[in-house]
Amino acid sequence: MSSFTIGLLTSLAPVLVQFLLFLRWLQRRMRDDEIVRAFVRDMATNHLPHIYSALRQIMERCPALEDLRNRECPFIRYLDLEETTKERG
């Protein structure tokens, strides 16, 4: 091998490794964002109504919270800002 070929391989190897590490980081970041999005959707649609129901029961049992009983629970609505509606089978 000539010294030019060795120099070229020596300079391209770190660039290739850096590019592969970048692709790995990008894939992990996209997956983490997807997990967070699924968590927020699940929390908004499934858990918050139960939490508000439990808080309402606590308010009814505790006389110190009498002034809070007349308040209505806030309206819960999850907005998908990316408008991604994937059909899951």
Protein backbone atom coordinates (compact mmCIF):
# COMPACT_ATOMS: atom_id res chain seq x y z
CA MET A 1 0.00 0.00 0.00
CA SER A 2 1.15 3.44 -0.73
CA SER A 3 1.48 6.08 1.93
CA PHE A 4 -1.38 8.01 0.32
CA THR A 5 -3.79 5.08 0.78
CA ILE A 6 -2.72 4.56 4.38
CA GLY A 7 -3.14 8.27 5.10
CA LEU A 8 -6.57 8.29 3.49
CA LEU A 9 -7.74 5.25 5.49
CA THR A 10 -6.29 6.72 8.66
CA SER A 11 -8.20 9.96 8.18
CA LEU A 12 -11.48 8.35 7.07
CA ALA A 13 -11.72 5.82 9.90
CA PRO A 14 -12.38 8.39 12.67
CA VAL A 15 -14.88 10.22 10.46
CA LEU A 16 -16.78 6.99 9.84
CA VAL A 17 -16.76 6.08 13.53
CA GLN A 18 -17.98 9.56 14.47
CA PHE A 19 -20.77 9.35 11.89
CA LEU A 20 -21.89 5.94 13.19
CA LEU A 21 -21.89 7.25 16.76
CA PHE A 22 -23.98 10.22 15.63
CA LEU A 23 -26.52 7.90 13.96
CA ARG A 24 -26.71 5.80 17.13
CA TRP A 25 -27.27 8.93 19.26
CA LEU A 26 -29.94 10.19 16.86
CA GLN A 27 -31.81 6.87 16.92
CA ARG A 28 -31.69 6.76 20.73
CA ARG A 29 -32.92 10.34 20.98
CA MET A 30 -35.85 9.65 18.67
CA ARG A 31 -36.76 6.52 20.63
CA ASP A 32 -36.62 8.41 23.94
CA ASP A 33 -38.87 11.14 22.54
CA GLU A 34 -41.32 8.48 21.41
CA ILE A 35 -41.35 6.92 24.89
CA VAL A 36 -41.94 10.31 26.54
CA ARG A 37 -44.76 11.08 24.09
CA ALA A 38 -46.42 7.73 24.86
CA PHE A 39 -46.05 8.37 28.61
CA VAL A 40 -47.66 11.80 28.40
CA ARG A 41 -50.52 10.46 26.29
CA ASP A 42 -51.11 7.60 28.73
CA MET A 43 -50.97 9.92 31.73
CA ALA A 44 -53.44 12.37 30.19
CA THR A 45 -55.94 9.84 28.95
CA ASN A 46 -55.84 7.12 31.60
CA HIS A 47 -54.38 8.27 34.89
CA LEU A 48 -55.44 11.90 35.37
CA PRO A 49 -59.17 11.13 35.47
CA HIS A 50 -58.54 8.56 38.22
CA ILE A 51 -56.32 10.98 40.13
CA TYR A 52 -59.00 13.69 40.01
CA SER A 53 -61.62 11.19 41.12
CA ALA A 54 -59.50 10.19 44.13
CA LEU A 55 -58.87 13.85 45.01
CA ARG A 56 -62.62 14.53 44.83
CA GLN A 57 -63.24 11.67 47.28
CA ILE A 58 -60.59 13.03 49.65
CA MET A 59 -62.20 16.50 49.51
CA GLU A 60 -65.60 15.02 50.34
CA ARG A 61 -64.23 13.26 53.44
CA CYS A 62 -62.14 16.11 54.82
CA PRO A 63 -64.11 18.94 56.45
CA ALA A 64 -61.11 21.31 56.26
CA LEU A 65 -61.42 21.32 52.47
CA GLU A 66 -65.04 22.53 52.41
CA ASP A 67 -64.31 25.57 50.27
CA LEU A 68 -62.78 23.37 47.53
CA ARG A 69 -65.82 21.12 47.16
CA ASN A 70 -67.73 23.52 44.95
CA ARG A 71 -64.94 23.84 42.42
CA GLU A 72 -65.10 21.81 39.27
CA CYS A 73 -62.21 19.67 38.10
CA PRO A 74 -60.27 21.10 35.18
CA PHE A 75 -61.12 19.77 31.76
CA ILE A 76 -58.54 17.22 30.64
CA ARG A 77 -57.77 17.14 26.96
CA TYR A 78 -54.66 15.72 25.37
CA LEU A 79 -53.50 17.56 22.27
CA ASP A 80 -51.32 15.71 19.82
CA LEU A 81 -49.42 18.62 18.33
CA GLU A 82 -47.73 16.45 15.73
CA GLU A 83 -51.07 15.00 14.66
CA THR A 84 -49.64 11.52 14.31
CA THR A 85 -52.46 9.03 14.30
CA LYS A 86 -51.01 5.59 13.85
CA GLU A 87 -53.27 2.61 13.78
CA ARG A 88 -51.98 -0.03 16.14
CA GLY A 89 -53.00 -3.58 15.50
